[in-house]
Amino acid sequence: MEKMEALILINRIFDAIETLIPEYMKDPADRNISNGNVAACIIDDQGQVHGKMFGNNNPRLRQSFKVAWTKASQVWLTGIKTGEYERMVFNNEVGENANGIENP
């Protein structure tokens, strides 16, 4: 994928996330977790980091982006989907904190 095509796609993803936030905020469980303060992070195949934060609670946004970047960079490092990799860590199939994911 060419760089411009990738940027267009990434921006469309961020736009889609932004349109979905109000729908998720209707669910009290989602609303209580973040109150609409969320972050997304994408690392492209060239290692370029793309991110966007949504909301107005800057300390919460900083923490949310830290989590988003940790998960995106873990996928970038390992090539394994984040949920699958976390399952492997939690089942001791991969060493804890080998790539930034710690057991709860």
PDB file of N, CA and C in Angstrom:
ATOM      1  N   MET A   1       0.843  -1.168   0.000  1.00  0.00           N
ATOM      2  CA  MET A   1       0.000   0.000   0.000  1.00  0.00           C
ATOM      3  C   MET A   1       0.896   1.242   0.000  1.00  0.00           C
ATOM      4  N   GLU A   2       0.582   2.180  -0.848  1.00  0.00           N
ATOM      5  CA  GLU A   2       1.359   3.410  -0.915  1.00  0.00           C
ATOM      6  C   GLU A   2       1.091   4.263   0.317  1.00  0.00           C
ATOM      7  N   LYS A   3       2.051   5.130   0.623  1.00  0.00           N
ATOM      8  CA  LYS A   3       1.964   5.942   1.825  1.00  0.00           C
ATOM      9  C   LYS A   3       0.679   6.775   1.873  1.00  0.00           C
ATOM     10  N   MET A   4       0.317   7.420   0.764  1.00  0.00           N
ATOM     11  CA  MET A   4      -0.881   8.262   0.753  1.00  0.00           C
ATOM     12  C   MET A   4      -2.135   7.417   0.955  1.00  0.00           C
ATOM     13  N   GLU A   5      -2.195   6.249   0.333  1.00  0.00           N
ATOM     14  CA  GLU A   5      -3.339   5.355   0.521  1.00  0.00           C
ATOM     15  C   GLU A   5      -3.452   4.930   1.985  1.00  0.00           C
ATOM     16  N   ALA A   6      -2.311   4.630   2.589  1.00  0.00           N
ATOM     17  CA  ALA A   6      -2.305   4.218   3.995  1.00  0.00           C
ATOM     18  C   ALA A   6      -2.801   5.357   4.889  1.00  0.00           C
ATOM     19  N   LEU A   7      -2.342   6.567   4.638  1.00  0.00           N
ATOM     20  CA  LEU A   7      -2.781   7.712   5.444  1.00  0.00           C
ATOM     21  C   LEU A   7      -4.282   7.946   5.306  1.00  0.00           C
ATOM     22  N   ILE A   8      -4.795   7.808   4.098  1.00  0.00           N
ATOM     23  CA  ILE A   8      -6.237   7.969   3.885  1.00  0.00           C
ATOM     24  C   ILE A   8      -7.000   6.903   4.667  1.00  0.00           C
ATOM     25  N   LEU A   9      -6.543   5.656   4.594  1.00  0.00           N
ATOM     26  CA  LEU A   9      -7.192   4.568   5.318  1.00  0.00           C
ATOM     27  C   LEU A   9      -7.131   4.797   6.828  1.00  0.00           C
ATOM     28  N   ILE A  10      -5.979   5.171   7.330  1.00  0.00           N
ATOM     29  CA  ILE A  10      -5.814   5.410   8.764  1.00  0.00           C
ATOM     30  C   ILE A  10      -6.746   6.528   9.227  1.00  0.00           C
ATOM     31  N   ASN A  11      -6.828   7.601   8.462  1.00  0.00           N
ATOM     32  CA  ASN A  11      -7.729   8.693   8.833  1.00  0.00           C
ATOM     33  C   ASN A  11      -9.189   8.258   8.784  1.00  0.00           C
ATOM     34  N   ARG A  12      -9.538   7.396   7.853  1.00  0.00           N
ATOM     35  CA  ARG A  12     -10.901   6.863   7.812  1.00  0.00           C
ATOM     36  C   ARG A  12     -11.193   6.011   9.040  1.00  0.00           C
ATOM     37  N   ILE A  13     -10.209   5.258   9.477  1.00  0.00           N
ATOM     38  CA  ILE A  13     -10.372   4.450  10.691  1.00  0.00           C
ATOM     39  C   ILE A  13     -10.609   5.360  11.887  1.00  0.00           C
ATOM     40  N   PHE A  14      -9.799   6.399  12.028  1.00  0.00           N
ATOM     41  CA  PHE A  14      -9.974   7.332  13.144  1.00  0.00           C
ATOM     42  C   PHE A  14     -11.333   8.030  13.066  1.00  0.00           C
ATOM     43  N   ASP A  15     -11.762   8.405  11.863  1.00  0.00           N
ATOM     44  CA  ASP A  15     -13.087   9.026  11.703  1.00  0.00           C
ATOM     45  C   ASP A  15     -14.192   8.064  12.121  1.00  0.00           C
ATOM     46  N   ALA A  16     -14.051   6.793  11.750  1.00  0.00           N
ATOM     47  CA  ALA A  16     -15.061   5.790  12.115  1.00  0.00           C
ATOM     48  C   ALA A  16     -15.114   5.604  13.625  1.00  0.00           C
ATOM     49  N   ILE A  17     -13.967   5.568  14.262  1.00  0.00           N
ATOM     50  CA  ILE A  17     -13.936   5.442  15.728  1.00  0.00           C
ATOM     51  C   ILE A  17     -14.684   6.611  16.362  1.00  0.00           C
ATOM     52  N   GLU A  18     -14.402   7.806  15.874  1.00  0.00           N
ATOM     53  CA  GLU A  18     -15.043   9.002  16.439  1.00  0.00           C
ATOM     54  C   GLU A  18     -16.561   8.948  16.314  1.00  0.00           C
ATOM     55  N   THR A  19     -17.052   8.425  15.198  1.00  0.00           N
ATOM     56  CA  THR A  19     -18.510   8.345  15.028  1.00  0.00           C
ATOM     57  C   THR A  19     -19.130   7.272  15.921  1.00  0.00           C
ATOM     58  N   LEU A  20     -18.346   6.265  16.319  1.00  0.00           N
ATOM     59  CA  LEU A  20     -18.871   5.180  17.159  1.00  0.00           C
ATOM     60  C   LEU A  20     -18.886   5.508  18.650  1.00  0.00           C
ATOM     61  N   ILE A  21     -18.097   6.461  19.083  1.00  0.00           N
ATOM     62  CA  ILE A  21     -17.992   6.759  20.516  1.00  0.00           C
ATOM     63  C   ILE A  21     -19.352   7.082  21.138  1.00  0.00           C
ATOM     64  N   PRO A  22     -20.173   7.960  20.540  1.00  0.00           N
ATOM     65  CA  PRO A  22     -21.480   8.232  21.167  1.00  0.00           C
ATOM     66  C   PRO A  22     -22.342   6.983  21.338  1.00  0.00           C
ATOM     67  N   GLU A  23     -22.259   6.058  20.396  1.00  0.00           N
ATOM     68  CA  GLU A  23     -23.030   4.818  20.504  1.00  0.00           C
ATOM     69  C   GLU A  23     -22.556   3.991  21.702  1.00  0.00           C
ATOM     70  N   TYR A  24     -21.231   3.884  21.874  1.00  0.00           N
ATOM     71  CA  TYR A  24     -20.692   3.142  23.007  1.00  0.00           C
ATOM     72  C   TYR A  24     -21.014   3.824  24.330  1.00  0.00           C
ATOM     73  N   MET A  25     -21.086   5.134  24.344  1.00  0.00           N
ATOM     74  CA  MET A  25     -21.358   5.872  25.580  1.00  0.00           C
ATOM     75  C   MET A  25     -22.788   5.672  26.071  1.00  0.00           C
ATOM     76  N   LYS A  26     -23.651   5.086  25.255  1.00  0.00           N
ATOM     77  CA  LYS A  26     -25.003   4.745  25.699  1.00  0.00           C
ATOM     78  C   LYS A  26     -24.992   3.580  26.683  1.00  0.00           C
ATOM     79  N   ASP A  27     -23.941   2.766  26.637  1.00  0.00           N
ATOM     80  CA  ASP A  27     -23.804   1.612  27.527  1.00  0.00           C
ATOM     81  C   ASP A  27     -23.118   2.074  28.819  1.00  0.00           C
ATOM     82  N   PRO A  28     -23.795   1.961  29.962  1.00  0.00           N
ATOM     83  CA  PRO A  28     -23.201   2.432  31.221  1.00  0.00           C
ATOM     84  C   PRO A  28     -21.839   1.800  31.529  1.00  0.00           C
ATOM     85  N   ALA A  29     -21.657   0.542  31.164  1.00  0.00           N
ATOM     86  CA  ALA A  29     -20.371  -0.111  31.435  1.00  0.00           C
ATOM     87  C   ALA A  29     -19.243   0.589  30.676  1.00  0.00           C
ATOM     88  N   ASP A  30     -19.469   0.929  29.420  1.00  0.00           N
ATOM     89  CA  ASP A  30     -18.452   1.637  28.638  1.00  0.00           C
ATOM     90  C   ASP A  30     -18.285   3.068  29.126  1.00  0.00           C
ATOM     91  N   ARG A  31     -19.396   3.708  29.436  1.00  0.00           N
ATOM     92  CA  ARG A  31     -19.351   5.104  29.882  1.00  0.00           C
ATOM     93  C   ARG A  31     -18.567   5.223  31.191  1.00  0.00           C
ATOM     94  N   ASN A  32     -18.761   4.273  32.105  1.00  0.00           N
ATOM     95  CA  ASN A  32     -18.083   4.327  33.403  1.00  0.00           C
ATOM     96  C   ASN A  32     -16.586   4.071  33.302  1.00  0.00           C
ATOM     97  N   ILE A  33     -16.162   3.342  32.291  1.00  0.00           N
ATOM     98  CA  ILE A  33     -14.736   3.048  32.140  1.00  0.00           C
ATOM     99  C   ILE A  33     -13.966   4.273  31.680  1.00  0.00           C
ATOM    100  N   SER A  34     -14.446   4.944  30.644  1.00  0.00           N
ATOM    101  CA  SER A  34     -13.632   6.002  30.038  1.00  0.00           C
ATOM    102  C   SER A  34     -14.326   7.345  29.917  1.00  0.00           C
ATOM    103  N   ASN A  35     -15.641   7.347  30.057  1.00  0.00           N
ATOM    104  CA  ASN A  35     -16.424   8.568  29.853  1.00  0.00           C
ATOM    105  C   ASN A  35     -16.121   9.196  28.486  1.00  0.00           C
ATOM    106  N   GLY A  36     -15.859   8.358  27.505  1.00  0.00           N
ATOM    107  CA  GLY A  36     -15.616   8.838  26.142  1.00  0.00           C
ATOM    108  C   GLY A  36     -14.194   9.255  25.862  1.00  0.00           C
ATOM    109  N   ASN A  37     -13.300   9.124  26.825  1.00  0.00           N
ATOM    110  CA  ASN A  37     -11.889   9.472  26.632  1.00  0.00           C
ATOM    111  C   ASN A  37     -11.146   8.212  26.208  1.00  0.00           C
ATOM    112  N   VAL A  38     -10.891   8.101  24.909  1.00  0.00           N
ATOM    113  CA  VAL A  38     -10.263   6.915  24.349  1.00  0.00           C
ATOM    114  C   VAL A  38      -9.145   7.317  23.392  1.00  0.00           C
ATOM    115  N   ALA A  39      -8.302   6.370  23.089  1.00  0.00           N
ATOM    116  CA  ALA A  39      -7.197   6.621  22.175  1.00  0.00           C
ATOM    117  C   ALA A  39      -7.016   5.432  21.248  1.00  0.00           C
ATOM    118  N   ALA A  40      -6.499   5.714  20.065  1.00  0.00           N
ATOM    119  CA  ALA A  40      -6.197   4.662  19.094  1.00  0.00           C
ATOM    120  C   ALA A  40      -4.778   4.867  18.593  1.00  0.00           C
ATOM    121  N   CYS A  41      -4.095   3.775  18.346  1.00  0.00           N
ATOM    122  CA  CYS A  41      -2.719   3.826  17.855  1.00  0.00           C
ATOM    123  C   CYS A  41      -2.538   2.761  16.776  1.00  0.00           C
ATOM    124  N   ILE A  42      -1.949   3.179  15.667  1.00  0.00           N
ATOM    125  CA  ILE A  42      -1.662   2.276  14.553  1.00  0.00           C
ATOM    126  C   ILE A  42      -0.188   2.450  14.208  1.00  0.00           C
ATOM    127  N   ILE A  43       0.517   1.347  14.060  1.00  0.00           N
ATOM    128  CA  ILE A  43       1.901   1.386  13.589  1.00  0.00           C
ATOM    129  C   ILE A  43       1.915   0.738  12.220  1.00  0.00           C
ATOM    130  N   ASP A  44       2.310   1.502  11.216  1.00  0.00           N
ATOM    131  CA  ASP A  44       2.277   0.977   9.857  1.00  0.00           C
ATOM    132  C   ASP A  44       3.493   0.104   9.571  1.00  0.00           C
ATOM    133  N   ASP A  45       3.535  -0.478   8.387  1.00  0.00           N
ATOM    134  CA  ASP A  45       4.604  -1.417   8.055  1.00  0.00           C
ATOM    135  C   ASP A  45       5.971  -0.754   7.911  1.00  0.00           C
ATOM    136  N   GLN A  46       6.010   0.572   7.917  1.00  0.00           N
ATOM    137  CA  GLN A  46       7.277   1.303   7.887  1.00  0.00           C
ATOM    138  C   GLN A  46       7.717   1.722   9.293  1.00  0.00           C
ATOM    139  N   GLY A  47       6.914   1.379  10.299  1.00  0.00           N
ATOM    140  CA  GLY A  47       7.224   1.744  11.673  1.00  0.00           C
ATOM    141  C   GLY A  47       6.740   3.132  12.057  1.00  0.00           C
ATOM    142  N   GLN A  48       6.000   3.780  11.177  1.00  0.00           N
ATOM    143  CA  GLN A  48       5.443   5.103  11.475  1.00  0.00           C
ATOM    144  C   GLN A  48       4.274   4.938  12.437  1.00  0.00           C
ATOM    145  N   VAL A  49       4.255   5.737  13.506  1.00  0.00           N
ATOM    146  CA  VAL A  49       3.194   5.665  14.502  1.00  0.00           C
ATOM    147  C   VAL A  49       2.137   6.714  14.177  1.00  0.00           C
ATOM    148  N   HIS A  50       0.883   6.273  14.153  1.00  0.00           N
ATOM    149  CA  HIS A  50      -0.260   7.148  13.909  1.00  0.00           C
ATOM    150  C   HIS A  50      -1.180   7.006  15.113  1.00  0.00           C
ATOM    151  N   GLY A  51      -1.624   8.120  15.651  1.00  0.00           N
ATOM    152  CA  GLY A  51      -2.492   8.033  16.806  1.00  0.00           C
ATOM    153  C   GLY A  51      -3.479   9.172  16.861  1.00  0.00           C
ATOM    154  N   LYS A  52      -4.531   8.924  17.614  1.00  0.00           N
ATOM    155  CA  LYS A  52      -5.519   9.964  17.837  1.00  0.00           C
ATOM    156  C   LYS A  52      -6.166   9.715  19.189  1.00  0.00           C
ATOM    157  N   MET A  53      -6.388  10.826  19.913  1.00  0.00           N
ATOM    158  CA  MET A  53      -7.062  10.763  21.198  1.00  0.00           C
ATOM    159  C   MET A  53      -8.401  11.470  21.056  1.00  0.00           C
ATOM    160  N   PHE A  54      -9.417  10.899  21.690  1.00  0.00           N
ATOM    161  CA  PHE A  54     -10.775  11.425  21.610  1.00  0.00           C
ATOM    162  C   PHE A  54     -11.248  11.709  23.030  1.00  0.00           C
ATOM    163  N   GLY A  55     -11.669  12.912  23.308  1.00  0.00           N
ATOM    164  CA  GLY A  55     -12.158  13.269  24.629  1.00  0.00           C
ATOM    165  C   GLY A  55     -11.515  14.556  25.106  1.00  0.00           C
ATOM    166  N   ASN A  56     -11.748  14.877  26.380  1.00  0.00           N
ATOM    167  CA  ASN A  56     -11.218  16.140  26.891  1.00  0.00           C
ATOM    168  C   ASN A  56     -10.549  16.016  28.254  1.00  0.00           C
ATOM    169  N   ASN A  57     -10.381  14.802  28.751  1.00  0.00           N
ATOM    170  CA  ASN A  57      -9.694  14.588  30.016  1.00  0.00           C
ATOM    171  C   ASN A  57      -8.248  14.203  29.708  1.00  0.00           C
ATOM    172  N   ASN A  58      -7.382  15.216  29.653  1.00  0.00           N
ATOM    173  CA  ASN A  58      -6.009  14.982  29.192  1.00  0.00           C
ATOM    174  C   ASN A  58      -5.242  13.930  29.985  1.00  0.00           C
ATOM    175  N   PRO A  59      -5.311  13.902  31.323  1.00  0.00           N
ATOM    176  CA  PRO A  59      -4.599  12.821  32.030  1.00  0.00           C
ATOM    177  C   PRO A  59      -5.124  11.436  31.639  1.00  0.00           C
ATOM    178  N   ARG A  60      -6.440  11.298  31.494  1.00  0.00           N
ATOM    179  CA  ARG A  60      -7.029  10.010  31.090  1.00  0.00           C
ATOM    180  C   ARG A  60      -6.623   9.663  29.665  1.00  0.00           C
ATOM    181  N   LEU A  61      -6.594  10.673  28.796  1.00  0.00           N
ATOM    182  CA  LEU A  61      -6.185  10.437  27.404  1.00  0.00           C
ATOM    183  C   LEU A  61      -4.735   9.974  27.327  1.00  0.00           C
ATOM    184  N   ARG A  62      -3.876  10.571  28.152  1.00  0.00           N
ATOM    185  CA  ARG A  62      -2.466  10.152  28.161  1.00  0.00           C
ATOM    186  C   ARG A  62      -2.359   8.683  28.549  1.00  0.00           C
ATOM    187  N   GLN A  63      -3.092   8.272  29.577  1.00  0.00           N
ATOM    188  CA  GLN A  63      -3.065   6.868  29.999  1.00  0.00           C
ATOM    189  C   GLN A  63      -3.654   5.963  28.920  1.00  0.00           C
ATOM    190  N   SER A  64      -4.749   6.405  28.301  1.00  0.00           N
ATOM    191  CA  SER A  64      -5.371   5.605  27.245  1.00  0.00           C
ATOM    192  C   SER A  64      -4.424   5.433  26.064  1.00  0.00           C
ATOM    193  N   PHE A  65      -3.710   6.492  25.693  1.00  0.00           N
ATOM    194  CA  PHE A  65      -2.788   6.365  24.574  1.00  0.00           C
ATOM    195  C   PHE A  65      -1.601   5.474  24.940  1.00  0.00           C
ATOM    196  N   LYS A  66      -1.180   5.519  26.184  1.00  0.00           N
ATOM    197  CA  LYS A  66      -0.094   4.627  26.625  1.00  0.00           C
ATOM    198  C   LYS A  66      -0.495   3.168  26.412  1.00  0.00           C
ATOM    199  N   VAL A  67      -1.727   2.834  26.802  1.00  0.00           N
ATOM    200  CA  VAL A  67      -2.224   1.467  26.616  1.00  0.00           C
ATOM    201  C   VAL A  67      -2.325   1.140  25.124  1.00  0.00           C
ATOM    202  N   ALA A  68      -2.878   2.072  24.338  1.00  0.00           N
ATOM    203  CA  ALA A  68      -3.028   1.842  22.891  1.00  0.00           C
ATOM    204  C   ALA A  68      -1.668   1.635  22.241  1.00  0.00           C
ATOM    205  N   TRP A  69      -0.682   2.472  22.599  1.00  0.00           N
ATOM    206  CA  TRP A  69       0.651   2.343  22.017  1.00  0.00           C
ATOM    207  C   TRP A  69       1.309   1.030  22.454  1.00  0.00           C
ATOM    208  N   THR A  70       1.138   0.658  23.713  1.00  0.00           N
ATOM    209  CA  THR A  70       1.725  -0.601  24.193  1.00  0.00           C
ATOM    210  C   THR A  70       1.174  -1.784  23.404  1.00  0.00           C
ATOM    211  N   LYS A  71      -0.146  -1.803  23.200  1.00  0.00           N
ATOM    212  CA  LYS A  71      -0.760  -2.909  22.464  1.00  0.00           C
ATOM    213  C   LYS A  71      -0.350  -2.895  20.992  1.00  0.00           C
ATOM    214  N   ALA A  72      -0.342  -1.712  20.374  1.00  0.00           N
ATOM    215  CA  ALA A  72       0.052  -1.625  18.956  1.00  0.00           C
ATOM    216  C   ALA A  72       1.507  -2.023  18.775  1.00  0.00           C
ATOM    217  N   SER A  73       2.376  -1.570  19.662  1.00  0.00           N
ATOM    218  CA  SER A  73       3.793  -1.900  19.512  1.00  0.00           C
ATOM    219  C   SER A  73       4.069  -3.361  19.812  1.00  0.00           C
ATOM    220  N   GLN A  74       3.276  -3.973  20.694  1.00  0.00           N
ATOM    221  CA  GLN A  74       3.425  -5.398  20.969  1.00  0.00           C
ATOM    222  C   GLN A  74       3.082  -6.211  19.721  1.00  0.00           C
ATOM    223  N   VAL A  75       2.035  -5.820  19.004  1.00  0.00           N
ATOM    224  CA  VAL A  75       1.690  -6.493  17.746  1.00  0.00           C
ATOM    225  C   VAL A  75       2.792  -6.254  16.724  1.00  0.00           C
ATOM    226  N   TRP A  76       3.295  -5.038  16.659  1.00  0.00           N
ATOM    227  CA  TRP A  76       4.371  -4.693  15.730  1.00  0.00           C
ATOM    228  C   TRP A  76       5.615  -5.533  16.020  1.00  0.00           C
ATOM    229  N   LEU A  77       5.928  -5.726  17.307  1.00  0.00           N
ATOM    230  CA  LEU A  77       7.108  -6.516  17.689  1.00  0.00           C
ATOM    231  C   LEU A  77       6.948  -7.998  17.403  1.00  0.00           C
ATOM    232  N   THR A  78       5.769  -8.535  17.716  1.00  0.00           N
ATOM    233  CA  THR A  78       5.590  -9.987  17.678  1.00  0.00           C
ATOM    234  C   THR A  78       4.889 -10.502  16.436  1.00  0.00           C
ATOM    235  N   GLY A  79       4.081  -9.651  15.801  1.00  0.00           N
ATOM    236  CA  GLY A  79       3.282 -10.099  14.662  1.00  0.00           C
ATOM    237  C   GLY A  79       2.083 -10.939  15.076  1.00  0.00           C
ATOM    238  N   ILE A  80       1.765 -10.934  16.374  1.00  0.00           N
ATOM    239  CA  ILE A  80       0.650 -11.727  16.898  1.00  0.00           C
ATOM    240  C   ILE A  80      -0.440 -10.774  17.376  1.00  0.00           C
ATOM    241  N   LYS A  81      -1.702 -11.083  17.059  1.00  0.00           N
ATOM    242  CA  LYS A  81      -2.824 -10.259  17.511  1.00  0.00           C
ATOM    243  C   LYS A  81      -2.743 -10.055  19.013  1.00  0.00           C
ATOM    244  N   THR A  82      -3.128  -8.855  19.453  1.00  0.00           N
ATOM    245  CA  THR A  82      -2.965  -8.521  20.872  1.00  0.00           C
ATOM    246  C   THR A  82      -3.704  -9.468  21.805  1.00  0.00           C
ATOM    247  N   GLY A  83      -4.953  -9.809  21.514  1.00  0.00           N
ATOM    248  CA  GLY A  83      -5.686 -10.728  22.384  1.00  0.00           C
ATOM    249  C   GLY A  83      -5.045 -12.100  22.453  1.00  0.00           C
ATOM    250  N   GLU A  84      -4.569 -12.576  21.318  1.00  0.00           N
ATOM    251  CA  GLU A  84      -3.912 -13.883  21.271  1.00  0.00           C
ATOM    252  C   GLU A  84      -2.596 -13.853  22.047  1.00  0.00           C
ATOM    253  N   TYR A  85      -1.834 -12.783  21.869  1.00  0.00           N
ATOM    254  CA  TYR A  85      -0.559 -12.674  22.582  1.00  0.00           C
ATOM    255  C   TYR A  85      -0.795 -12.594  24.093  1.00  0.00           C
ATOM    256  N   GLU A  86      -1.780 -11.790  24.511  1.00  0.00           N
ATOM    257  CA  GLU A  86      -2.078 -11.685  25.942  1.00  0.00           C
ATOM    258  C   GLU A  86      -2.499 -13.036  26.514  1.00  0.00           C
ATOM    259  N   ARG A  87      -3.289 -13.804  25.756  1.00  0.00           N
ATOM    260  CA  ARG A  87      -3.672 -15.145  26.210  1.00  0.00           C
ATOM    261  C   ARG A  87      -2.423 -15.992  26.424  1.00  0.00           C
ATOM    262  N   MET A  88      -1.467 -15.887  25.501  1.00  0.00           N
ATOM    263  CA  MET A  88      -0.225 -16.649  25.610  1.00  0.00           C
ATOM    264  C   MET A  88       0.561 -16.237  26.859  1.00  0.00           C
ATOM    265  N   VAL A  89       0.600 -14.928  27.144  1.00  0.00           N
ATOM    266  CA  VAL A  89       1.304 -14.451  28.342  1.00  0.00           C
ATOM    267  C   VAL A  89       0.612 -14.971  29.597  1.00  0.00           C
ATOM    268  N   PHE A  90      -0.723 -14.832  29.647  1.00  0.00           N
ATOM    269  CA  PHE A  90      -1.473 -15.225  30.837  1.00  0.00           C
ATOM    270  C   PHE A  90      -1.430 -16.732  31.068  1.00  0.00           C
ATOM    271  N   ASN A  91      -1.211 -17.515  30.014  1.00  0.00           N
ATOM    272  CA  ASN A  91      -1.092 -18.971  30.139  1.00  0.00           C
ATOM    273  C   ASN A  91       0.361 -19.422  30.250  1.00  0.00           C
ATOM    274  N   ASN A  92       1.253 -18.470  30.465  1.00  0.00           N
ATOM    275  CA  ASN A  92       2.690 -18.743  30.629  1.00  0.00           C
ATOM    276  C   ASN A  92       3.304 -19.437  29.420  1.00  0.00           C
ATOM    277  N   GLU A  93       2.747 -19.198  28.235  1.00  0.00           N
ATOM    278  CA  GLU A  93       3.334 -19.726  27.003  1.00  0.00           C
ATOM    279  C   GLU A  93       4.418 -18.792  26.488  1.00  0.00           C
ATOM    280  N   VAL A  94       4.372 -17.538  26.927  1.00  0.00           N
ATOM    281  CA  VAL A  94       5.361 -16.514  26.603  1.00  0.00           C
ATOM    282  C   VAL A  94       5.734 -15.856  27.920  1.00  0.00           C
ATOM    283  N   GLY A  95       6.997 -15.520  28.082  1.00  0.00           N
ATOM    284  CA  GLY A  95       7.431 -14.897  29.322  1.00  0.00           C
ATOM    285  C   GLY A  95       6.735 -13.576  29.593  1.00  0.00           C
ATOM    286  N   GLU A  96       6.310 -13.395  30.843  1.00  0.00           N
ATOM    287  CA  GLU A  96       5.673 -12.141  31.225  1.00  0.00           C
ATOM    288  C   GLU A  96       6.617 -10.977  30.957  1.00  0.00           C
ATOM    289  N   ASN A  97       6.068  -9.924  30.405  1.00  0.00           N
ATOM    290  CA  ASN A  97       6.774  -8.681  30.106  1.00  0.00           C
ATOM    291  C   ASN A  97       7.866  -8.857  29.048  1.00  0.00           C
ATOM    292  N   ALA A  98       7.855  -9.964  28.318  1.00  0.00           N
ATOM    293  CA  ALA A  98       8.829 -10.157  27.251  1.00  0.00           C
ATOM    294  C   ALA A  98       8.683  -9.083  26.167  1.00  0.00           C
ATOM    295  N   ASN A  99       7.459  -8.625  25.969  1.00  0.00           N
ATOM    296  CA  ASN A  99       7.203  -7.580  24.971  1.00  0.00           C
ATOM    297  C   ASN A  99       6.242  -6.527  25.495  1.00  0.00           C
ATOM    298  N   GLY A 100       6.281  -6.278  26.809  1.00  0.00           N
ATOM    299  CA  GLY A 100       5.519  -5.185  27.374  1.00  0.00           C
ATOM    300  C   GLY A 100       4.190  -5.512  27.998  1.00  0.00           C
ATOM    301  N   ILE A 101       3.751  -6.749  27.977  1.00  0.00           N
ATOM    302  CA  ILE A 101       2.461  -7.127  28.562  1.00  0.00           C
ATOM    303  C   ILE A 101       2.721  -7.846  29.875  1.00  0.00           C
ATOM    304  N   GLU A 102       2.117  -7.329  30.951  1.00  0.00           N
ATOM    305  CA  GLU A 102       2.297  -7.929  32.265  1.00  0.00           C
ATOM    306  C   GLU A 102       1.016  -8.649  32.675  1.00  0.00           C
ATOM    307  N   ASN A 103       1.155  -9.695  33.472  1.00  0.00           N
ATOM    308  CA  ASN A 103      -0.009 -10.366  34.041  1.00  0.00           C
ATOM    309  C   ASN A 103      -0.739  -9.399  34.950  1.00  0.00           C
ATOM    310  N   PRO A 104      -2.073  -9.486  35.011  1.00  0.00           N
ATOM    311  CA  PRO A 104      -2.809  -8.580  35.908  1.00  0.00           C
ATOM    312  C   PRO A 104      -2.544  -8.941  37.361  1.00  0.00           C
TER     313      PRO A 104
END
